[in-house]
Amino acid sequence: MDETNTDVIQGTLDMLILKTLSLEPMHGFGIARRVEQISRGVFKVNP
């Protein structure tokens, strides 16, 4: 994957995490599960 795609993916993951935390306070595992749900399985985050 080239650097541009990596930046887009990183920015997307950051936004999904911030969106998750804006809904309610969570810790690692909860954030990882919610990001996976929001992204419909596209992102799988390992806490």
Protein backbone atom coordinates (compact mmCIF):
# COMPACT_ATOMS: atom_id res chain seq x y z
CA MET A 1 0.00 0.00 0.00
CA ASP A 2 1.41 3.41 -0.85
CA GLU A 3 1.83 6.25 1.64
CA THR A 4 -1.29 8.15 0.46
CA ASN A 5 -3.57 5.17 1.09
CA THR A 6 -1.98 4.62 4.48
CA ASP A 7 -2.73 8.23 5.44
CA VAL A 8 -6.36 7.87 4.36
CA ILE A 9 -6.77 4.65 6.33
CA GLN A 10 -5.08 6.13 9.41
CA GLY A 11 -7.27 9.22 9.26
CA THR A 12 -10.38 7.08 8.85
CA LEU A 13 -9.49 4.91 11.82
CA ASP A 14 -8.81 8.02 13.92
CA MET A 15 -12.22 9.43 13.02
CA LEU A 16 -13.99 6.15 13.82
CA ILE A 17 -12.31 6.07 17.24
CA LEU A 18 -13.25 9.70 17.94
CA LYS A 19 -16.83 9.04 16.80
CA THR A 20 -16.99 6.04 19.14
CA LEU A 21 -15.71 8.05 22.09
CA SER A 22 -18.11 10.92 21.37
CA LEU A 23 -21.04 8.55 21.93
CA GLU A 24 -19.88 7.31 25.35
CA PRO A 25 -16.68 6.80 27.33
CA MET A 26 -15.01 3.46 26.57
CA HIS A 27 -11.77 1.60 27.03
CA GLY A 28 -9.70 -0.46 24.57
CA PHE A 29 -11.85 -3.55 24.00
CA GLY A 30 -15.10 -1.57 23.79
CA ILE A 31 -13.57 0.86 21.30
CA ALA A 32 -12.24 -2.02 19.18
CA ARG A 33 -15.64 -3.74 19.10
CA ARG A 34 -17.51 -0.54 18.26
CA VAL A 35 -15.09 0.42 15.46
CA GLU A 36 -15.55 -3.05 13.96
CA GLN A 37 -19.35 -2.60 14.13
CA ILE A 38 -19.32 0.92 12.66
CA SER A 39 -17.02 -0.13 9.81
CA ARG A 40 -19.06 -3.29 9.14
CA GLY A 41 -15.99 -5.43 9.72
CA VAL A 42 -13.66 -3.48 7.43
CA PHE A 43 -11.49 -2.41 10.38
CA LYS A 44 -10.50 -4.96 12.98
CA VAL A 45 -8.67 -3.22 15.82
CA ASN A 46 -6.62 -5.25 18.26
CA PRO A 47 -6.56 -3.55 21.67
